[in-house]
Amino acid sequence: MRAFVAVFPPPEVVKEALVAARLSFDDRIRLTRPENVHLTLKFLGDVREELLDDIRAILAEVCAGHAPFEAALAGLGAFPSARRARILWAGVGEGSGRLRSLATGLDTGLASSGFERERHPYTPHLTLGRVQGKPASLQLPPVSIDSKIRVGSIELVKSVLSPEGPVYETLGTFALAGRS
């Protein structure tokens, strides 16, 4: 099964971010369904069912070392760049260091179960849409997104791909339990 570890923001945060994305982009960008918008902390790829208990134990252990915190959205961006955009995203300002620390802890912990370490530095973001067809050159307007996300837990998520887009199922929720 395909799986990842993520934080799902509340619906009002997702709505504000998607409204900001709609303000300035052409119809080649297919927006992410609101229920699927999330902050990926670690993409696991194909996971064997027998590894799920080990993964859950690692996630619980990592979460025990991190206190809940807030993360604030901060403007729009694109991967790999605005000139050759494939993915439109909302970035994270305040709280990005703590998200990076959490993602690094997960990466380190999951490496002990055979998951490949990340090759690139973690960039916290919400994927808001994907460019259909060839990459687009986007003019990214200065957009203020004044939403905050309370990061109090993470989720282990199963992803099933379909022609209508991915369907997510939460396999476990793990509370951040450390002290600030």
Protein backbone atom coordinates (compact mmCIF):
# COMPACT_ATOMS: atom_id res chain seq x y z
CA MET A 1 0.00 0.00 0.00
CA ARG A 2 1.11 3.57 -0.68
CA ALA A 3 1.50 5.64 2.50
CA PHE A 4 2.76 8.91 3.94
CA VAL A 5 2.90 10.83 7.24
CA ALA A 6 1.21 14.24 7.38
CA VAL A 7 -0.54 17.02 9.25
CA PHE A 8 -4.03 17.90 8.02
CA PRO A 9 -4.98 21.54 8.61
CA PRO A 10 -8.50 22.55 9.63
CA PRO A 11 -11.01 23.21 6.82
CA GLU A 12 -11.03 27.00 7.32
CA VAL A 13 -7.26 27.17 6.74
CA VAL A 14 -7.55 25.04 3.61
CA LYS A 15 -10.38 27.22 2.31
CA GLU A 16 -8.36 30.43 2.75
CA ALA A 17 -5.32 28.93 1.02
CA LEU A 18 -7.37 27.61 -1.92
CA VAL A 19 -9.13 30.97 -2.32
CA ALA A 20 -5.70 32.64 -2.52
CA ALA A 21 -4.64 30.12 -5.17
CA ARG A 22 -7.78 30.69 -7.27
CA LEU A 23 -7.20 34.44 -7.41
CA SER A 24 -4.36 34.35 -9.86
CA PHE A 25 -3.98 31.19 -11.89
CA ASP A 26 -5.17 29.86 -15.20
CA ASP A 27 -7.43 26.90 -15.79
CA ARG A 28 -4.51 24.53 -16.40
CA ILE A 29 -4.04 24.28 -12.63
CA ARG A 30 -6.15 21.54 -11.13
CA LEU A 31 -6.73 22.50 -7.50
CA THR A 32 -6.35 19.88 -4.79
CA ARG A 33 -9.61 18.68 -3.27
CA PRO A 34 -9.98 20.48 0.08
CA GLU A 35 -10.13 17.23 2.10
CA ASN A 36 -6.78 16.18 0.59
CA VAL A 37 -4.76 19.31 1.40
CA HIS A 38 -2.04 18.44 3.93
CA LEU A 39 1.54 19.06 5.07
CA THR A 40 3.51 15.96 4.12
CA LEU A 41 6.18 15.19 6.70
CA LYS A 42 7.44 11.93 5.16
CA PHE A 43 6.42 10.06 2.02
CA LEU A 44 6.83 6.34 2.66
CA GLY A 45 5.95 4.97 -0.78
CA ASP A 46 4.85 1.35 -1.02
CA VAL A 47 4.60 -0.15 2.46
CA ARG A 48 4.17 -3.82 3.31
CA GLU A 49 1.29 -4.48 5.72
CA GLU A 50 3.57 -6.32 8.15
CA LEU A 51 5.61 -3.11 8.69
CA LEU A 52 2.65 -1.07 9.95
CA ASP A 53 3.13 -1.93 13.64
CA ASP A 54 6.82 -0.93 13.46
CA ILE A 55 5.91 2.31 11.69
CA ARG A 56 3.26 3.13 14.29
CA ALA A 57 5.75 2.52 17.12
CA ILE A 58 8.32 4.83 15.47
CA LEU A 59 5.74 7.57 14.92
CA ALA A 60 4.60 7.37 18.54
CA GLU A 61 8.21 7.54 19.76
CA VAL A 62 9.08 10.54 17.58
CA CYS A 63 5.89 12.37 18.61
CA ALA A 64 6.71 11.82 22.29
CA GLY A 65 9.76 14.06 21.80
CA HIS A 66 7.91 16.99 20.19
CA ALA A 67 5.56 19.47 21.85
CA PRO A 68 2.48 20.82 20.06
CA PHE A 69 3.03 24.15 18.24
CA GLU A 70 1.53 26.54 15.72
CA ALA A 71 2.57 26.97 12.10
CA ALA A 72 1.55 29.97 10.01
CA LEU A 73 0.98 29.93 6.26
CA ALA A 74 3.10 32.43 4.35
CA GLY A 75 2.43 33.14 0.69
CA LEU A 76 2.41 31.09 -2.50
CA GLY A 77 5.19 29.31 -4.35
CA ALA A 78 5.74 26.72 -7.06
CA PHE A 79 7.88 23.62 -7.61
CA PRO A 80 10.32 23.31 -9.24
CA SER A 81 10.11 27.11 -9.87
CA ALA A 82 7.57 29.76 -10.86
CA ARG A 83 9.01 29.77 -14.41
CA ARG A 84 8.51 25.99 -14.84
CA ALA A 85 5.72 25.35 -12.36
CA ARG A 86 4.29 21.87 -11.94
CA ILE A 87 2.98 22.28 -8.37
CA LEU A 88 1.41 25.33 -6.71
CA TRP A 89 1.82 25.52 -2.95
CA ALA A 90 1.32 27.66 0.15
CA GLY A 91 4.46 27.93 2.23
CA VAL A 92 4.95 27.98 5.99
CA GLY A 93 6.64 30.83 7.86
CA GLU A 94 6.33 30.69 11.64
CA GLY A 95 6.69 27.10 12.83
CA SER A 96 8.65 25.92 9.79
CA GLY A 97 11.71 25.14 11.93
CA ARG A 98 9.64 22.95 14.23
CA LEU A 99 8.07 21.18 11.23
CA ARG A 100 11.58 20.57 9.86
CA SER A 101 12.66 19.15 13.22
CA LEU A 102 9.63 16.83 13.29
CA ALA A 103 10.22 15.73 9.67
CA THR A 104 13.92 15.08 10.43
CA GLY A 105 12.98 12.99 13.48
CA LEU A 106 10.58 10.92 11.37
CA ASP A 107 13.15 10.52 8.60
CA THR A 108 15.78 9.32 11.09
CA GLY A 109 13.42 7.01 12.97
CA LEU A 110 11.94 5.44 9.84
CA ALA A 111 15.39 4.87 8.31
CA SER A 112 15.92 2.24 11.03
CA SER A 113 13.04 0.26 9.44
CA GLY A 114 14.55 0.44 5.99
CA PHE A 115 12.86 3.56 4.61
CA GLU A 116 15.10 5.64 2.36
CA ARG A 117 16.41 8.89 3.87
CA GLU A 118 15.33 12.14 2.24
CA ARG A 119 17.86 13.53 -0.24
CA HIS A 120 16.63 17.11 -0.20
CA PRO A 121 16.03 19.47 2.71
CA TYR A 122 12.44 19.46 3.93
CA THR A 123 10.33 22.41 2.70
CA PRO A 124 7.04 22.60 4.62
CA HIS A 125 4.15 23.43 2.30
CA LEU A 126 0.52 22.71 1.45
CA THR A 127 0.11 21.48 -2.14
CA LEU A 128 -2.80 23.52 -3.51
CA GLY A 129 -2.78 22.40 -7.13
CA ARG A 130 -0.96 20.77 -10.01
CA VAL A 131 -0.36 22.07 -13.51
CA GLN A 132 -1.98 19.90 -16.16
CA GLY A 133 0.17 19.26 -19.23
CA LYS A 134 3.48 21.02 -19.75
CA PRO A 135 4.91 23.22 -16.98
CA ALA A 136 3.49 26.74 -16.69
CA SER A 137 5.23 30.05 -16.18
CA LEU A 138 3.37 31.62 -13.25
CA GLN A 139 3.35 35.17 -11.97
CA LEU A 140 3.12 34.53 -8.25
CA PRO A 141 1.30 37.48 -6.70
CA PRO A 142 2.12 38.64 -3.20
CA VAL A 143 -0.71 36.97 -1.31
CA SER A 144 -1.26 37.23 2.40
CA ILE A 145 -2.62 34.07 3.99
CA ASP A 146 -3.19 34.85 7.64
CA SER A 147 -4.01 31.32 8.78
CA LYS A 148 -2.36 29.27 11.48
CA ILE A 149 -2.33 25.53 11.89
CA ARG A 150 -2.22 23.98 15.35
CA VAL A 151 0.18 21.05 15.00
CA GLY A 152 -0.86 18.77 17.83
CA SER A 153 -0.74 15.42 16.06
CA ILE A 154 0.39 13.67 12.90
CA GLU A 155 -1.34 11.01 10.83
CA LEU A 156 -0.19 7.86 9.08
CA VAL A 157 -2.17 7.86 5.84
CA LYS A 158 -2.89 5.26 3.17
CA SER A 159 -3.21 6.72 -0.34
CA VAL A 160 -5.17 4.98 -3.09
CA LEU A 161 -4.74 6.56 -6.53
CA SER A 162 -7.79 6.87 -8.78
CA PRO A 163 -8.63 8.76 -12.00
CA GLU A 164 -10.52 11.33 -9.89
CA GLY A 165 -7.49 11.87 -7.66
CA PRO A 166 -6.10 10.19 -4.55
CA VAL A 167 -8.34 8.87 -1.79
CA TYR A 168 -6.85 9.02 1.70
CA GLU A 169 -7.51 6.79 4.70
CA THR A 170 -6.01 7.50 8.12
CA LEU A 171 -4.29 4.42 9.56
CA GLY A 172 -3.30 6.07 12.84
CA THR A 173 -3.13 9.43 14.62
CA PHE A 174 -0.22 10.24 16.95
CA ALA A 175 -0.29 13.13 19.42
CA LEU A 176 2.74 15.33 19.95
CA ALA A 177 3.42 14.85 23.63
CA GLY A 178 6.73 16.51 24.43
CA ARG A 179 7.20 19.65 26.48
CA SER A 180 7.98 23.04 24.92
